[in-house]
Amino acid sequence: MSRASSRALKHPPVTAPSEPAGAPSDFPA
């Protein structure tokens, strides 16, 4: 995995939080 991808996983875009608050924003269902 590239460094950019790893950074993206650690810092997901908060611009469009389509996942529920209880679910991890890193892996939206």
C-alpha atoms as a PDB file:
ATOM      1  CA  MET A   1       0.000   0.000   0.000  1.00  0.00           C
ATOM      2  CA  SER A   2       1.310   3.417  -0.921  1.00  0.00           C
ATOM      3  CA  ARG A   3       2.022   6.069   1.684  1.00  0.00           C
ATOM      4  CA  ALA A   4      -0.803   8.239   0.341  1.00  0.00           C
ATOM      5  CA  SER A   5      -3.302   5.394   0.650  1.00  0.00           C
ATOM      6  CA  SER A   6      -2.197   4.678   4.199  1.00  0.00           C
ATOM      7  CA  ARG A   7      -2.573   8.344   5.073  1.00  0.00           C
ATOM      8  CA  ALA A   8      -6.038   8.406   3.469  1.00  0.00           C
ATOM      9  CA  LEU A   9      -7.125   5.465   5.626  1.00  0.00           C
ATOM     10  CA  LYS A  10      -5.890   7.152   8.789  1.00  0.00           C
ATOM     11  CA  HIS A  11      -7.441  10.471   7.790  1.00  0.00           C
ATOM     12  CA  PRO A  12     -10.678   9.798   5.873  1.00  0.00           C
ATOM     13  CA  PRO A  13     -12.362  12.760   4.151  1.00  0.00           C
ATOM     14  CA  VAL A  14     -14.897  14.314   6.520  1.00  0.00           C
ATOM     15  CA  THR A  15     -16.508  16.184   3.644  1.00  0.00           C
ATOM     16  CA  ALA A  16     -19.087  13.445   3.043  1.00  0.00           C
ATOM     17  CA  PRO A  17     -19.726  11.310   6.146  1.00  0.00           C
ATOM     18  CA  SER A  18     -22.101   8.794   4.559  1.00  0.00           C
ATOM     19  CA  GLU A  19     -21.390   6.144   7.179  1.00  0.00           C
ATOM     20  CA  PRO A  20     -23.283   5.903  10.510  1.00  0.00           C
ATOM     21  CA  ALA A  21     -21.700   7.400  13.624  1.00  0.00           C
ATOM     22  CA  GLY A  22     -21.309   3.939  15.178  1.00  0.00           C
ATOM     23  CA  ALA A  23     -19.392   2.530  12.216  1.00  0.00           C
ATOM     24  CA  PRO A  24     -15.683   3.224  11.582  1.00  0.00           C
ATOM     25  CA  SER A  25     -15.306   5.925   8.928  1.00  0.00           C
ATOM     26  CA  ASP A  26     -12.305   4.003   7.535  1.00  0.00           C
ATOM     27  CA  PHE A  27     -14.541   1.164   6.301  1.00  0.00           C
ATOM     28  CA  PRO A  28     -18.071   2.356   5.504  1.00  0.00           C
ATOM     29  CA  ALA A  29     -20.461  -0.581   5.045  1.00  0.00           C
END
